[in-house]
Amino acid sequence: MVIRKRVLIFKPKTKKMEEKIPEMSLAPKNLGECRPSDAECLQSFDINIKFLSRGCIVGVGCKQIAFESVENAMSAINAYVANPYEEKQRWKKNL
């Protein structure tokens, strides 16, 4: 191991190590869909609620959706908070 200009350079000591290094893979194989956690989904967009004389407008990220009643808006927000990834996918299809 040699340190040059604040860069760490790893030099294998034997030929056997050089042969094994390309075979090693830290990434697991066949994971399927890469899905963020619920906390990551909720942190990625701001949720804004604008109350009107009749209903409200809910903004999630750059999208805004008008609801006729506050109850309908709150049920949609609760569904999004409970399961953000699936709700986001569902709303992407609708919008």
PDB file of N, CA and C in Angstrom:
ATOM      1  N   MET A   1       0.844  -1.163   0.000  1.00  0.00           N
ATOM      2  CA  MET A   1       0.000   0.000   0.000  1.00  0.00           C
ATOM      3  C   MET A   1       0.897   1.235   0.000  1.00  0.00           C
ATOM      4  N   VAL A   2       0.606   2.157  -0.899  1.00  0.00           N
ATOM      5  CA  VAL A   2       1.410   3.356  -1.036  1.00  0.00           C
ATOM      6  C   VAL A   2       0.473   4.555  -1.046  1.00  0.00           C
ATOM      7  N   ILE A   3       0.843   5.604  -0.326  1.00  0.00           N
ATOM      8  CA  ILE A   3       0.037   6.815  -0.321  1.00  0.00           C
ATOM      9  C   ILE A   3       0.778   7.883  -1.118  1.00  0.00           C
ATOM     10  N   ARG A   4       0.128   8.372  -2.161  1.00  0.00           N
ATOM     11  CA  ARG A   4       0.707   9.422  -2.991  1.00  0.00           C
ATOM     12  C   ARG A   4      -0.328  10.515  -3.188  1.00  0.00           C
ATOM     13  N   LYS A   5       0.040  11.718  -2.901  1.00  0.00           N
ATOM     14  CA  LYS A   5      -0.825  12.875  -3.112  1.00  0.00           C
ATOM     15  C   LYS A   5      -2.211  12.648  -2.511  1.00  0.00           C
ATOM     16  N   ARG A   6      -2.249  12.147  -1.309  1.00  0.00           N
ATOM     17  CA  ARG A   6      -3.484  11.903  -0.572  1.00  0.00           C
ATOM     18  C   ARG A   6      -4.416  10.898  -1.248  1.00  0.00           C
ATOM     19  N   VAL A   7      -3.885  10.051  -2.091  1.00  0.00           N
ATOM     20  CA  VAL A   7      -4.656   9.005  -2.736  1.00  0.00           C
ATOM     21  C   VAL A   7      -4.083   7.674  -2.291  1.00  0.00           C
ATOM     22  N   LEU A   8      -4.930   6.803  -1.823  1.00  0.00           N
ATOM     23  CA  LEU A   8      -4.509   5.501  -1.345  1.00  0.00           C
ATOM     24  C   LEU A   8      -4.544   4.520  -2.517  1.00  0.00           C
ATOM     25  N   ILE A   9      -3.413   3.903  -2.801  1.00  0.00           N
ATOM     26  CA  ILE A   9      -3.312   2.955  -3.904  1.00  0.00           C
ATOM     27  C   ILE A   9      -3.056   1.579  -3.310  1.00  0.00           C
ATOM     28  N   PHE A  10      -3.912   0.630  -3.656  1.00  0.00           N
ATOM     29  CA  PHE A  10      -3.774  -0.732  -3.160  1.00  0.00           C
ATOM     30  C   PHE A  10      -3.116  -1.572  -4.243  1.00  0.00           C
ATOM     31  N   LYS A  11      -2.006  -2.189  -3.879  1.00  0.00           N
ATOM     32  CA  LYS A  11      -1.312  -3.079  -4.799  1.00  0.00           C
ATOM     33  C   LYS A  11      -1.354  -4.484  -4.214  1.00  0.00           C
ATOM     34  N   PRO A  12      -1.983  -5.421  -4.920  1.00  0.00           N
ATOM     35  CA  PRO A  12      -2.003  -6.800  -4.432  1.00  0.00           C
ATOM     36  C   PRO A  12      -0.591  -7.369  -4.350  1.00  0.00           C
ATOM     37  N   LYS A  13      -0.353  -8.174  -3.331  1.00  0.00           N
ATOM     38  CA  LYS A  13       0.985  -8.712  -3.103  1.00  0.00           C
ATOM     39  C   LYS A  13       1.288  -9.927  -3.971  1.00  0.00           C
ATOM     40  N   THR A  14       0.266 -10.668  -4.335  1.00  0.00           N
ATOM     41  CA  THR A  14       0.512 -11.887  -5.107  1.00  0.00           C
ATOM     42  C   THR A  14      -0.381 -11.919  -6.341  1.00  0.00           C
ATOM     43  N   LYS A  15      -0.032 -12.783  -7.248  1.00  0.00           N
ATOM     44  CA  LYS A  15      -0.833 -12.985  -8.453  1.00  0.00           C
ATOM     45  C   LYS A  15      -2.203 -13.560  -8.111  1.00  0.00           C
ATOM     46  N   LYS A  16      -2.256 -14.411  -7.082  1.00  0.00           N
ATOM     47  CA  LYS A  16      -3.527 -15.025  -6.705  1.00  0.00           C
ATOM     48  C   LYS A  16      -4.531 -13.953  -6.279  1.00  0.00           C
ATOM     49  N   MET A  17      -4.084 -12.956  -5.571  1.00  0.00           N
ATOM     50  CA  MET A  17      -4.985 -11.882  -5.156  1.00  0.00           C
ATOM     51  C   MET A  17      -5.483 -11.099  -6.371  1.00  0.00           C
ATOM     52  N   GLU A  18      -4.606 -10.866  -7.340  1.00  0.00           N
ATOM     53  CA  GLU A  18      -4.997 -10.157  -8.553  1.00  0.00           C
ATOM     54  C   GLU A  18      -6.057 -10.932  -9.314  1.00  0.00           C
ATOM     55  N   GLU A  19      -5.964 -12.258  -9.289  1.00  0.00           N
ATOM     56  CA  GLU A  19      -6.949 -13.075  -9.985  1.00  0.00           C
ATOM     57  C   GLU A  19      -8.281 -13.086  -9.257  1.00  0.00           C
ATOM     58  N   LYS A  20      -8.286 -13.030  -7.936  1.00  0.00           N
ATOM     59  CA  LYS A  20      -9.522 -13.103  -7.164  1.00  0.00           C
ATOM     60  C   LYS A  20     -10.272 -11.768  -7.116  1.00  0.00           C
ATOM     61  N   ILE A  21      -9.581 -10.679  -7.196  1.00  0.00           N
ATOM     62  CA  ILE A  21     -10.232  -9.376  -7.043  1.00  0.00           C
ATOM     63  C   ILE A  21     -11.320  -9.137  -8.092  1.00  0.00           C
ATOM     64  N   PRO A  22     -11.107  -9.391  -9.386  1.00  0.00           N
ATOM     65  CA  PRO A  22     -12.194  -9.163 -10.347  1.00  0.00           C
ATOM     66  C   PRO A  22     -13.409 -10.048 -10.097  1.00  0.00           C
ATOM     67  N   GLU A  23     -13.190 -11.231  -9.527  1.00  0.00           N
ATOM     68  CA  GLU A  23     -14.301 -12.142  -9.279  1.00  0.00           C
ATOM     69  C   GLU A  23     -15.167 -11.688  -8.114  1.00  0.00           C
ATOM     70  N   MET A  24     -14.588 -10.951  -7.194  1.00  0.00           N
ATOM     71  CA  MET A  24     -15.350 -10.493  -6.039  1.00  0.00           C
ATOM     72  C   MET A  24     -16.309  -9.398  -6.467  1.00  0.00           C
ATOM     73  N   SER A  25     -17.531  -9.531  -6.031  1.00  0.00           N
ATOM     74  CA  SER A  25     -18.518  -8.500  -6.333  1.00  0.00           C
ATOM     75  C   SER A  25     -19.271  -8.187  -5.054  1.00  0.00           C
ATOM     76  N   LEU A  26     -19.245  -6.915  -4.665  1.00  0.00           N
ATOM     77  CA  LEU A  26     -19.947  -6.512  -3.451  1.00  0.00           C
ATOM     78  C   LEU A  26     -21.430  -6.305  -3.697  1.00  0.00           C
ATOM     79  N   ALA A  27     -21.832  -6.106  -4.934  1.00  0.00           N
ATOM     80  CA  ALA A  27     -23.240  -5.884  -5.241  1.00  0.00           C
ATOM     81  C   ALA A  27     -23.963  -7.221  -5.332  1.00  0.00           C
ATOM     82  N   PRO A  28     -25.057  -7.375  -4.589  1.00  0.00           N
ATOM     83  CA  PRO A  28     -25.824  -8.616  -4.697  1.00  0.00           C
ATOM     84  C   PRO A  28     -26.475  -8.726  -6.071  1.00  0.00           C
ATOM     85  N   LYS A  29     -26.688  -9.931  -6.507  1.00  0.00           N
ATOM     86  CA  LYS A  29     -27.241 -10.154  -7.840  1.00  0.00           C
ATOM     87  C   LYS A  29     -28.729 -10.473  -7.742  1.00  0.00           C
ATOM     88  N   ASN A  30     -29.461 -10.133  -8.812  1.00  0.00           N
ATOM     89  CA  ASN A  30     -30.890 -10.427  -8.946  1.00  0.00           C
ATOM     90  C   ASN A  30     -31.721  -9.862  -7.797  1.00  0.00           C
ATOM     91  N   LEU A  31     -31.550  -8.587  -7.539  1.00  0.00           N
ATOM     92  CA  LEU A  31     -32.336  -7.946  -6.491  1.00  0.00           C
ATOM     93  C   LEU A  31     -33.744  -7.604  -6.949  1.00  0.00           C
ATOM     94  N   GLY A  32     -33.936  -7.440  -8.225  1.00  0.00           N
ATOM     95  CA  GLY A  32     -35.239  -7.031  -8.728  1.00  0.00           C
ATOM     96  C   GLY A  32     -35.357  -5.520  -8.667  1.00  0.00           C
ATOM     97  N   GLU A  33     -36.529  -5.055  -8.256  1.00  0.00           N
ATOM     98  CA  GLU A  33     -36.794  -3.620  -8.217  1.00  0.00           C
ATOM     99  C   GLU A  33     -36.105  -2.969  -7.025  1.00  0.00           C
ATOM    100  N   CYS A  34     -35.467  -1.851  -7.259  1.00  0.00           N
ATOM    101  CA  CYS A  34     -34.835  -1.093  -6.199  1.00  0.00           C
ATOM    102  C   CYS A  34     -35.875  -0.135  -5.632  1.00  0.00           C
ATOM    103  N   ARG A  35     -36.256  -0.332  -4.383  1.00  0.00           N
ATOM    104  CA  ARG A  35     -37.327   0.443  -3.777  1.00  0.00           C
ATOM    105  C   ARG A  35     -36.793   1.220  -2.580  1.00  0.00           C
ATOM    106  N   PRO A  36     -37.032   2.539  -2.539  1.00  0.00           N
ATOM    107  CA  PRO A  36     -36.590   3.316  -1.377  1.00  0.00           C
ATOM    108  C   PRO A  36     -37.454   3.017  -0.157  1.00  0.00           C
ATOM    109  N   SER A  37     -36.940   3.331   1.007  1.00  0.00           N
ATOM    110  CA  SER A  37     -37.710   3.116   2.233  1.00  0.00           C
ATOM    111  C   SER A  37     -38.817   4.158   2.321  1.00  0.00           C
ATOM    112  N   ASP A  38     -39.777   3.921   3.219  1.00  0.00           N
ATOM    113  CA  ASP A  38     -40.876   4.868   3.409  1.00  0.00           C
ATOM    114  C   ASP A  38     -40.361   6.230   3.846  1.00  0.00           C
ATOM    115  N   ALA A  39     -39.380   6.240   4.737  1.00  0.00           N
ATOM    116  CA  ALA A  39     -38.821   7.511   5.215  1.00  0.00           C
ATOM    117  C   ALA A  39     -38.170   8.284   4.071  1.00  0.00           C
ATOM    118  N   GLU A  40     -37.452   7.590   3.183  1.00  0.00           N
ATOM    119  CA  GLU A  40     -36.826   8.260   2.037  1.00  0.00           C
ATOM    120  C   GLU A  40     -37.870   8.836   1.096  1.00  0.00           C
ATOM    121  N   CYS A  41     -38.964   8.109   0.884  1.00  0.00           N
ATOM    122  CA  CYS A  41     -40.036   8.607   0.015  1.00  0.00           C
ATOM    123  C   CYS A  41     -40.670   9.859   0.601  1.00  0.00           C
ATOM    124  N   LEU A  42     -40.920   9.829   1.912  1.00  0.00           N
ATOM    125  CA  LEU A  42     -41.568  10.979   2.545  1.00  0.00           C
ATOM    126  C   LEU A  42     -40.645  12.189   2.606  1.00  0.00           C
ATOM    127  N   GLN A  43     -39.349  11.972   2.708  1.00  0.00           N
ATOM    128  CA  GLN A  43     -38.404  13.076   2.774  1.00  0.00           C
ATOM    129  C   GLN A  43     -38.148  13.709   1.408  1.00  0.00           C
ATOM    130  N   SER A  44     -38.477  13.022   0.333  1.00  0.00           N
ATOM    131  CA  SER A  44     -38.132  13.521  -0.997  1.00  0.00           C
ATOM    132  C   SER A  44     -39.068  14.613  -1.505  1.00  0.00           C
ATOM    133  N   PHE A  45     -40.290  14.732  -0.958  1.00  0.00           N
ATOM    134  CA  PHE A  45     -41.241  15.736  -1.418  1.00  0.00           C
ATOM    135  C   PHE A  45     -41.862  16.480  -0.242  1.00  0.00           C
ATOM    136  N   ASP A  46     -42.073  17.782  -0.433  1.00  0.00           N
ATOM    137  CA  ASP A  46     -42.805  18.580   0.547  1.00  0.00           C
ATOM    138  C   ASP A  46     -44.299  18.387   0.329  1.00  0.00           C
ATOM    139  N   ILE A  47     -45.063  18.381   1.408  1.00  0.00           N
ATOM    140  CA  ILE A  47     -46.514  18.290   1.333  1.00  0.00           C
ATOM    141  C   ILE A  47     -47.090  19.614   1.821  1.00  0.00           C
ATOM    142  N   ASN A  48     -47.861  20.279   0.960  1.00  0.00           N
ATOM    143  CA  ASN A  48     -48.483  21.550   1.306  1.00  0.00           C
ATOM    144  C   ASN A  48     -49.991  21.416   1.198  1.00  0.00           C
ATOM    145  N   ILE A  49     -50.709  22.022   2.142  1.00  0.00           N
ATOM    146  CA  ILE A  49     -52.165  22.006   2.130  1.00  0.00           C
ATOM    147  C   ILE A  49     -52.648  23.449   2.133  1.00  0.00           C
ATOM    148  N   LYS A  50     -53.462  23.796   1.154  1.00  0.00           N
ATOM    149  CA  LYS A  50     -54.057  25.133   1.089  1.00  0.00           C
ATOM    150  C   LYS A  50     -55.564  24.966   1.246  1.00  0.00           C
ATOM    151  N   PHE A  51     -56.085  25.451   2.363  1.00  0.00           N
ATOM    152  CA  PHE A  51     -57.510  25.319   2.650  1.00  0.00           C
ATOM    153  C   PHE A  51     -58.284  26.423   1.944  1.00  0.00           C
ATOM    154  N   LEU A  52     -59.371  26.037   1.310  1.00  0.00           N
ATOM    155  CA  LEU A  52     -60.219  26.967   0.584  1.00  0.00           C
ATOM    156  C   LEU A  52     -61.590  27.029   1.246  1.00  0.00           C
ATOM    157  N   SER A  53     -62.483  27.889   0.732  1.00  0.00           N
ATOM    158  CA  SER A  53     -63.826  27.962   1.308  1.00  0.00           C
ATOM    159  C   SER A  53     -64.573  26.646   1.110  1.00  0.00           C
ATOM    160  N   ARG A  54     -64.251  25.944   0.035  1.00  0.00           N
ATOM    161  CA  ARG A  54     -64.848  24.626  -0.196  1.00  0.00           C
ATOM    162  C   ARG A  54     -63.727  23.679  -0.605  1.00  0.00           C
ATOM    163  N   GLY A  55     -63.336  22.801   0.288  1.00  0.00           N
ATOM    164  CA  GLY A  55     -62.284  21.838  -0.010  1.00  0.00           C
ATOM    165  C   GLY A  55     -60.896  22.408   0.222  1.00  0.00           C
ATOM    166  N   CYS A  56     -59.932  21.822  -0.447  1.00  0.00           N
ATOM    167  CA  CYS A  56     -58.548  22.273  -0.297  1.00  0.00           C
ATOM    168  C   CYS A  56     -57.721  21.794  -1.483  1.00  0.00           C
ATOM    169  N   ILE A  57     -56.531  22.329  -1.574  1.00  0.00           N
ATOM    170  CA  ILE A  57     -55.559  21.919  -2.597  1.00  0.00           C
ATOM    171  C   ILE A  57     -54.363  21.320  -1.873  1.00  0.00           C
ATOM    172  N   VAL A  58     -54.011  20.107  -2.244  1.00  0.00           N
ATOM    173  CA  VAL A  58     -52.872  19.416  -1.647  1.00  0.00           C
ATOM    174  C   VAL A  58     -51.761  19.385  -2.687  1.00  0.00           C
ATOM    175  N   GLY A  59     -50.608  19.881  -2.302  1.00  0.00           N
ATOM    176  CA  GLY A  59     -49.441  19.849  -3.173  1.00  0.00           C
ATOM    177  C   GLY A  59     -48.403  18.888  -2.632  1.00  0.00           C
ATOM    178  N   VAL A  60     -47.955  17.987  -3.482  1.00  0.00           N
ATOM    179  CA  VAL A  60     -46.877  17.055  -3.137  1.00  0.00           C
ATOM    180  C   VAL A  60     -45.807  17.237  -4.198  1.00  0.00           C
ATOM    181  N   GLY A  61     -44.684  17.810  -3.782  1.00  0.00           N
ATOM    182  CA  GLY A  61     -43.640  18.125  -4.748  1.00  0.00           C
ATOM    183  C   GLY A  61     -44.126  19.217  -5.682  1.00  0.00           C
ATOM    184  N   CYS A  62     -44.071  18.977  -6.987  1.00  0.00           N
ATOM    185  CA  CYS A  62     -44.513  19.981  -7.961  1.00  0.00           C
ATOM    186  C   CYS A  62     -45.954  19.757  -8.410  1.00  0.00           C
ATOM    187  N   LYS A  63     -46.600  18.696  -7.952  1.00  0.00           N
ATOM    188  CA  LYS A  63     -47.983  18.400  -8.337  1.00  0.00           C
ATOM    189  C   LYS A  63     -48.948  18.970  -7.310  1.00  0.00           C
ATOM    190  N   GLN A  64     -50.100  19.470  -7.798  1.00  0.00           N
ATOM    191  CA  GLN A  64     -51.153  19.954  -6.916  1.00  0.00           C
ATOM    192  C   GLN A  64     -52.456  19.292  -7.314  1.00  0.00           C
ATOM    193  N   ILE A  65     -53.202  18.839  -6.312  1.00  0.00           N
ATOM    194  CA  ILE A  65     -54.458  18.144  -6.553  1.00  0.00           C
ATOM    195  C   ILE A  65     -55.535  18.819  -5.723  1.00  0.00           C
ATOM    196  N   ALA A  66     -56.648  19.150  -6.363  1.00  0.00           N
ATOM    197  CA  ALA A  66     -57.774  19.786  -5.677  1.00  0.00           C
ATOM    198  C   ALA A  66     -58.722  18.704  -5.161  1.00  0.00           C
ATOM    199  N   PHE A  67     -59.182  18.882  -3.929  1.00  0.00           N
ATOM    200  CA  PHE A  67     -60.153  17.977  -3.319  1.00  0.00           C
ATOM    201  C   PHE A  67     -61.395  18.782  -2.956  1.00  0.00           C
ATOM    202  N   GLU A  68     -62.564  18.185  -3.157  1.00  0.00           N
ATOM    203  CA  GLU A  68     -63.823  18.872  -2.859  1.00  0.00           C
ATOM    204  C   GLU A  68     -64.070  19.006  -1.367  1.00  0.00           C
ATOM    205  N   SER A  69     -63.543  18.076  -0.593  1.00  0.00           N
ATOM    206  CA  SER A  69     -63.735  18.151   0.861  1.00  0.00           C
ATOM    207  C   SER A  69     -62.409  17.910   1.573  1.00  0.00           C
ATOM    208  N   VAL A  70     -62.306  18.453   2.750  1.00  0.00           N
ATOM    209  CA  VAL A  70     -61.094  18.280   3.549  1.00  0.00           C
ATOM    210  C   VAL A  70     -60.953  16.820   3.969  1.00  0.00           C
ATOM    211  N   GLU A  71     -62.080  16.152   4.216  1.00  0.00           N
ATOM    212  CA  GLU A  71     -62.040  14.734   4.620  1.00  0.00           C
ATOM    213  C   GLU A  71     -61.405  13.864   3.536  1.00  0.00           C
ATOM    214  N   ASN A  72     -61.784  14.122   2.265  1.00  0.00           N
ATOM    215  CA  ASN A  72     -61.184  13.352   1.160  1.00  0.00           C
ATOM    216  C   ASN A  72     -59.680  13.622   1.054  1.00  0.00           C
ATOM    217  N   ALA A  73     -59.299  14.870   1.245  1.00  0.00           N
ATOM    218  CA  ALA A  73     -57.883  15.217   1.187  1.00  0.00           C
ATOM    219  C   ALA A  73     -57.107  14.544   2.308  1.00  0.00           C
ATOM    220  N   MET A  74     -57.661  14.562   3.513  1.00  0.00           N
ATOM    221  CA  MET A  74     -56.972  13.953   4.651  1.00  0.00           C
ATOM    222  C   MET A  74     -56.854  12.441   4.491  1.00  0.00           C
ATOM    223  N   SER A  75     -57.868  11.806   3.929  1.00  0.00           N
ATOM    224  CA  SER A  75     -57.763  10.359   3.714  1.00  0.00           C
ATOM    225  C   SER A  75     -56.690  10.050   2.670  1.00  0.00           C
ATOM    226  N   ALA A  76     -56.573  10.893   1.638  1.00  0.00           N
ATOM    227  CA  ALA A  76     -55.513  10.686   0.631  1.00  0.00           C
ATOM    228  C   ALA A  76     -54.138  10.927   1.234  1.00  0.00           C
ATOM    229  N   ILE A  77     -54.012  11.951   2.073  1.00  0.00           N
ATOM    230  CA  ILE A  77     -52.723  12.228   2.718  1.00  0.00           C
ATOM    231  C   ILE A  77     -52.351  11.100   3.677  1.00  0.00           C
ATOM    232  N   ASN A  78     -53.315  10.608   4.448  1.00  0.00           N
ATOM    233  CA  ASN A  78     -53.043   9.495   5.370  1.00  0.00           C
ATOM    234  C   ASN A  78     -52.621   8.240   4.618  1.00  0.00           C
ATOM    235  N   ALA A  79     -53.242   7.973   3.467  1.00  0.00           N
ATOM    236  CA  ALA A  79     -52.853   6.816   2.660  1.00  0.00           C
ATOM    237  C   ALA A  79     -51.427   6.994   2.135  1.00  0.00           C
ATOM    238  N   TYR A  80     -51.082   8.233   1.753  1.00  0.00           N
ATOM    239  CA  TYR A  80     -49.724   8.495   1.253  1.00  0.00           C
ATOM    240  C   TYR A  80     -48.688   8.331   2.362  1.00  0.00           C
ATOM    241  N   VAL A  81     -48.996   8.810   3.561  1.00  0.00           N
ATOM    242  CA  VAL A  81     -48.047   8.700   4.669  1.00  0.00           C
ATOM    243  C   VAL A  81     -47.896   7.245   5.108  1.00  0.00           C
ATOM    244  N   ALA A  82     -48.974   6.485   5.078  1.00  0.00           N
ATOM    245  CA  ALA A  82     -48.923   5.074   5.489  1.00  0.00           C
ATOM    246  C   ALA A  82     -48.137   4.213   4.505  1.00  0.00           C
ATOM    247  N   ASN A  83     -48.251   4.519   3.206  1.00  0.00           N
ATOM    248  CA  ASN A  83     -47.613   3.694   2.187  1.00  0.00           C
ATOM    249  C   ASN A  83     -47.165   4.587   1.029  1.00  0.00           C
ATOM    250  N   PRO A  84     -46.105   5.379   1.203  1.00  0.00           N
ATOM    251  CA  PRO A  84     -45.765   6.406   0.223  1.00  0.00           C
ATOM    252  C   PRO A  84     -45.348   5.880  -1.151  1.00  0.00           C
ATOM    253  N   TYR A  85     -44.630   4.793  -1.199  1.00  0.00           N
ATOM    254  CA  TYR A  85     -44.128   4.313  -2.496  1.00  0.00           C
ATOM    255  C   TYR A  85     -45.283   3.859  -3.392  1.00  0.00           C
ATOM    256  N   GLU A  86     -46.187   3.039  -2.854  1.00  0.00           N
ATOM    257  CA  GLU A  86     -47.305   2.533  -3.658  1.00  0.00           C
ATOM    258  C   GLU A  86     -48.259   3.657  -4.047  1.00  0.00           C
ATOM    259  N   GLU A  87     -48.516   4.582  -3.131  1.00  0.00           N
ATOM    260  CA  GLU A  87     -49.405   5.704  -3.442  1.00  0.00           C
ATOM    261  C   GLU A  87     -48.794   6.599  -4.523  1.00  0.00           C
ATOM    262  N   LYS A  88     -47.496   6.800  -4.456  1.00  0.00           N
ATOM    263  CA  LYS A  88     -46.826   7.611  -5.477  1.00  0.00           C
ATOM    264  C   LYS A  88     -46.952   6.947  -6.839  1.00  0.00           C
ATOM    265  N   GLN A  89     -46.775   5.629  -6.896  1.00  0.00           N
ATOM    266  CA  GLN A  89     -46.914   4.901  -8.157  1.00  0.00           C
ATOM    267  C   GLN A  89     -48.352   4.984  -8.669  1.00  0.00           C
ATOM    268  N   ARG A  90     -49.316   4.883  -7.759  1.00  0.00           N
ATOM    269  CA  ARG A  90     -50.727   4.950  -8.146  1.00  0.00           C
ATOM    270  C   ARG A  90     -51.078   6.328  -8.696  1.00  0.00           C
ATOM    271  N   TRP A  91     -50.597   7.384  -8.054  1.00  0.00           N
ATOM    272  CA  TRP A  91     -50.889   8.730  -8.519  1.00  0.00           C
ATOM    273  C   TRP A  91     -50.154   9.048  -9.812  1.00  0.00           C
ATOM    274  N   LYS A  92     -48.985   8.472 -10.027  1.00  0.00           N
ATOM    275  CA  LYS A  92     -48.280   8.668 -11.304  1.00  0.00           C
ATOM    276  C   LYS A  92     -49.107   8.152 -12.474  1.00  0.00           C
ATOM    277  N   LYS A  93     -49.766   7.012 -12.251  1.00  0.00           N
ATOM    278  CA  LYS A  93     -50.620   6.454 -13.308  1.00  0.00           C
ATOM    279  C   LYS A  93     -51.818   7.353 -13.586  1.00  0.00           C
ATOM    280  N   ASN A  94     -52.397   7.933 -12.527  1.00  0.00           N
ATOM    281  CA  ASN A  94     -53.586   8.782 -12.670  1.00  0.00           C
ATOM    282  C   ASN A  94     -53.277  10.132 -13.282  1.00  0.00           C
ATOM    283  N   LEU A  95     -52.100  10.663 -13.002  1.00  0.00           N
ATOM    284  CA  LEU A  95     -51.753  11.993 -13.504  1.00  0.00           C
ATOM    285  C   LEU A  95     -50.928  11.834 -14.713  1.00  0.00           C
TER     286      LEU A  95
END
